[in-house]
Protein backbone atom coordinates (compact mmCIF):
# COMPACT_ATOMS: atom_id res chain seq x y z
CA MET A 1 0.03 0.03 -0.04
CA ARG A 2 2.93 2.33 0.81
CA LEU A 3 4.33 1.67 -2.57
CA ASN A 4 1.16 2.59 -4.37
CA ILE A 5 0.67 5.73 -2.61
CA PHE A 6 4.14 6.85 -3.81
CA SER A 7 3.56 5.66 -7.42
CA PHE A 8 0.30 8.10 -7.15
CA PHE A 9 2.03 11.10 -6.18
CA CYS A 10 5.28 10.87 -8.16
CA PRO A 11 3.60 12.00 -11.38
CA ILE A 12 1.95 15.05 -9.46
CA LEU A 13 5.14 16.02 -7.98
CA ALA A 14 7.13 15.77 -11.10
CA LEU A 15 4.46 17.91 -12.81
CA ALA A 16 4.71 20.65 -10.11
CA ASN A 17 8.37 20.88 -10.03
CA ALA A 18 8.49 20.99 -13.71
CA SER A 19 5.85 23.97 -14.11
CA PRO A 20 7.91 26.60 -12.27
CA ALA A 21 10.93 25.70 -14.18
CA GLY A 22 9.32 26.03 -17.50
CA ALA A 23 7.65 29.18 -16.51
CA GLN A 24 10.90 30.57 -15.46
CA GLY A 25 12.69 29.34 -18.33
CA THR A 26 13.21 30.86 -22.03
CA ASP A 27 11.29 29.41 -24.89
CA ASN A 28 14.07 28.90 -27.42
CA ARG A 29 11.52 28.55 -30.26
CA ASN A 30 10.86 32.25 -30.16
CA LEU A 31 14.53 33.31 -29.56
CA VAL A 32 15.99 35.63 -32.47
CA VAL A 33 19.60 35.73 -32.61
CA PRO A 34 21.04 38.71 -34.44
CA VAL A 35 23.41 37.94 -37.42
CA ASN A 36 25.58 40.62 -38.90
CA VAL A 37 25.46 40.18 -42.69
CA ASP A 38 27.85 42.39 -45.05
CA LEU A 39 25.43 43.50 -47.50
CA PRO A 40 27.02 44.87 -50.89
CA ARG A 41 27.12 48.54 -50.89
CA PRO A 42 25.00 49.85 -54.08
CA ALA A 43 27.39 51.16 -56.83
CA PRO A 44 27.52 55.12 -57.20
CA PRO A 45 25.18 56.37 -59.97
CA PRO A 46 27.29 57.04 -63.00
CA PRO A 47 28.47 60.27 -63.92
CA PRO A 48 25.97 62.46 -65.81
CA PRO A 49 26.83 62.32 -69.95
CA PRO A 50 28.76 65.46 -70.99
CA GLY A 51 26.68 68.09 -72.41
CA PRO A 52 26.75 68.69 -76.42
CA ARG A 53 29.79 70.43 -77.51
CA GLU A 54 29.09 73.22 -80.45
CA GLN A 55 31.96 73.87 -82.84
CA GLY A 56 31.92 75.88 -85.63
CA VAL A 57 33.17 79.27 -87.31
CA THR A 58 32.80 82.87 -86.13
CA LEU A 59 33.01 86.18 -88.08
CA ARG A 60 34.06 88.97 -85.40
CA LEU A 61 34.18 92.53 -86.30
CA THR A 62 35.82 94.89 -83.90
CA SER A 63 36.71 98.66 -83.74
CA GLY A 64 37.67 101.03 -81.16
CA TRP A 65 40.33 103.39 -79.71
CA ALA A 66 44.05 102.47 -79.95
CA PRO A 67 46.41 104.62 -78.15
CA THR A 68 49.96 104.35 -79.63
CA ALA A 69 53.13 105.23 -78.20
CA ASP A 70 54.96 108.20 -80.12
CA ALA A 71 51.65 108.64 -82.30
CA PRO A 72 48.87 110.96 -82.08
CA PRO A 73 45.39 109.13 -80.85
CA SER A 74 44.36 106.58 -83.18
CA ILE A 75 41.44 104.30 -84.17
CA PHE A 76 41.61 100.50 -85.32
CA TRP A 77 39.49 98.33 -87.09
CA ARG A 78 39.86 94.36 -86.99
CA GLY A 79 38.02 91.55 -88.96
CA GLU A 80 38.86 87.94 -87.70
CA LEU A 81 37.66 84.33 -88.78
CA SER A 82 37.58 82.07 -85.77
CA VAL A 83 37.33 78.37 -85.51
CA TYR A 84 36.02 77.58 -81.99
CA GLN A 85 34.60 74.97 -79.41
CA VAL A 86 32.21 75.53 -76.63
CA THR A 87 30.70 73.39 -74.15
CA ALA A 88 28.19 74.10 -71.21
CA THR A 89 31.02 75.93 -69.24
CA ARG A 90 34.06 76.39 -71.62
CA VAL A 91 34.88 78.16 -74.79
CA ARG A 92 38.24 77.92 -76.85
CA GLY A 93 39.48 78.45 -80.34
CA VAL A 94 41.77 80.19 -82.45
CA SER A 95 41.43 83.05 -85.07
CA LEU A 96 43.38 84.90 -87.72
CA GLY A 97 42.33 88.37 -89.30
CA LEU A 98 43.17 91.36 -90.66
CA GLY A 99 43.74 94.76 -88.54
CA LEU A 100 44.03 98.36 -89.43
CA TRP A 101 44.66 101.45 -87.11
CA PHE A 102 44.98 105.03 -88.39
CA VAL A 103 45.29 108.48 -87.17
CA PRO A 104 42.25 110.55 -88.00
CA SER A 105 44.30 113.85 -88.29
CA SER A 106 47.67 114.01 -89.26
CA GLY A 107 50.57 115.73 -87.64
CA PRO A 108 52.96 114.88 -84.83
CA ALA A 109 52.03 114.41 -81.49
CA PRO A 110 52.68 116.96 -78.91
CA GLY A 111 56.19 116.93 -77.84
CA HIS A 112 57.39 114.46 -80.76
CA THR A 113 58.71 115.03 -84.13
CA ALA A 114 57.13 113.91 -87.36
CA ALA A 115 59.58 111.45 -87.88
CA ARG A 116 58.08 109.39 -84.92
CA VAL A 117 54.83 109.65 -86.23
CA ALA A 118 52.99 106.38 -87.62
CA PRO A 119 49.88 107.53 -89.08
CA HIS A 120 48.45 104.29 -90.18
CA GLY A 121 49.43 100.69 -89.96
CA VAL A 122 48.14 97.30 -90.97
CA SER A 123 48.56 93.86 -89.57
CA VAL A 124 47.72 90.07 -89.43
CA PRO A 125 46.66 89.08 -85.74
CA LEU A 126 46.82 85.38 -84.67
CA THR A 127 44.92 85.03 -81.55
CA PHE A 128 44.26 81.85 -79.36
CA PHE A 129 41.67 82.41 -76.66
CA TYR A 130 40.32 80.22 -73.80
CA GLY A 131 37.61 81.00 -71.45
CA LEU A 132 34.59 80.39 -69.23
CA ARG A 133 30.86 80.34 -70.65
CA ARG A 134 27.39 80.50 -68.69
CA GLU A 135 24.33 80.36 -70.56
CA LYS A 136 24.53 83.24 -73.01
CA LEU A 137 27.38 84.83 -71.01
CA PHE A 138 31.25 84.27 -71.88
CA LEU A 139 34.64 85.50 -70.48
CA ALA A 140 37.72 84.69 -72.53
CA ALA A 141 41.37 85.43 -72.30
CA GLU A 142 43.23 86.02 -75.40
CA ALA A 143 46.94 85.50 -76.24
CA GLY A 144 48.87 85.83 -79.68
CA GLY A 145 50.35 87.96 -81.84
CA ASP A 146 50.49 90.16 -85.25
CA VAL A 147 52.50 87.97 -87.19
CA LEU A 148 52.97 90.48 -89.84
CA PHE A 149 52.60 94.12 -89.64
CA MET A 150 53.63 97.37 -91.22
CA ASP A 151 53.44 100.62 -89.78
CA LEU A 152 53.44 103.63 -92.31
CA SER A 153 54.45 107.19 -91.95
CA VAL A 154 55.46 110.05 -94.04
CA LEU A 155 59.07 110.25 -93.32
CA GLY A 156 59.49 106.34 -92.64
CA ASN A 157 58.21 103.03 -92.42
CA GLY A 158 58.23 100.38 -89.95
CA PHE A 159 57.97 96.73 -90.93
CA GLY A 160 57.82 93.64 -88.38
CA MET A 161 57.25 89.84 -88.11
CA LEU A 162 55.77 89.87 -84.57
CA ALA A 163 53.77 92.15 -82.33
CA PRO A 164 52.87 89.90 -78.93
CA PHE A 165 49.74 90.66 -77.26
CA VAL A 166 47.62 89.65 -74.40
CA GLY A 167 43.88 90.57 -73.84
CA VAL A 168 40.41 89.80 -72.48
CA SER A 169 37.16 89.83 -74.17
CA PRO A 170 33.79 89.64 -72.00
CA GLY A 171 30.71 88.97 -74.20
CA TYR A 172 26.93 88.28 -74.37
CA CYS A 173 25.00 86.17 -76.83
CA MET A 174 21.70 87.70 -77.81
CA VAL A 175 20.71 84.98 -80.01
CA ASP A 176 22.51 81.84 -81.37
CA SER A 177 23.62 83.96 -84.47
CA LEU A 178 24.74 87.24 -83.08
CA CYS A 179 26.93 88.27 -79.84
CA LEU A 180 28.15 91.42 -78.33
CA PHE A 181 31.57 91.54 -76.83
CA ALA A 182 34.04 94.00 -75.46
CA ASP A 183 37.82 93.61 -76.11
CA ALA A 184 41.00 95.02 -74.89
CA ARG A 185 44.35 94.13 -76.01
CA ALA A 186 47.86 95.35 -75.11
CA LYS A 187 50.54 94.57 -77.43
CA PHE A 188 54.33 95.57 -78.25
CA ARG A 189 54.91 96.45 -81.86
CA LEU A 190 58.64 95.04 -82.48
CA SER A 191 59.54 96.74 -85.64
CA PHE A 192 62.86 96.23 -87.72
CA ASP A 193 63.56 99.90 -87.39
CA SER A 194 64.43 100.30 -83.70
CA SER A 195 63.16 103.95 -83.68
CA LEU A 196 59.48 102.62 -84.36
CA TYR A 197 59.32 100.10 -81.43
CA ARG A 198 56.11 101.17 -79.87
CA PHE A 199 53.59 99.91 -77.13
CA GLN A 200 50.02 99.98 -78.05
CA ILE A 201 46.58 99.16 -76.39
CA GLU A 202 43.42 98.58 -78.17
CA LEU A 203 40.18 99.14 -76.39
CA GLY A 204 36.89 98.40 -78.21
CA GLY A 205 34.00 96.10 -78.81
CA GLY A 206 32.02 94.62 -81.50
CA ILE A 207 29.70 91.75 -83.07
CA SER A 208 30.31 88.08 -83.59
CA ILE A 209 28.44 86.20 -85.90
CA PRO A 210 28.51 82.38 -85.14
CA PHE A 211 27.76 79.46 -87.52
CA ARG A 212 27.44 76.53 -85.05
CA GLY A 213 27.17 72.96 -85.31
CA LYS A 214 26.74 70.27 -82.60
CA THR A 215 28.77 67.06 -81.80
């Protein structure tokens, strides 16, 4: 009889002892274990494609005031044909032209003799330019030289193969086929006749008529 009572209470005691332990334990079935996974980083977006480049030929007509050392006040005219290329932010090119400067009134400058006067001259300017562009505005730096020039006067002539210059040209394109610009150049005319070496400044403006094509 004693054995039967013990056998009766053993399952109950085992169930009672197991219940608190089960209540205090952790249900491993619902346990979430964090796992560090190195995911591949997304590739950076490709750079935007370059904007269209425009290239073509431009006819530039410039005139203005040309103060020249050892000469009365003079005026210049210059026509150039330019080959250029522009992007959304840059402009560059090269031009070749024909220039003419002359003194409206004859006679020596105050304090100078007639022999030092050059009332007019002609030149062939070669210009390289590079600059910035923002929509219809542009600003270009210029460098080059008059690869051939002749200064003429009553009592003597000056001939040269190089008149180096630097300059700057800001401008505004009103429409695709017409631009307005200002132009300033400083040059030194290296004549073979040493008595006719002279410094010259050209300050003026003009119009540019481009003929464009996209690439």
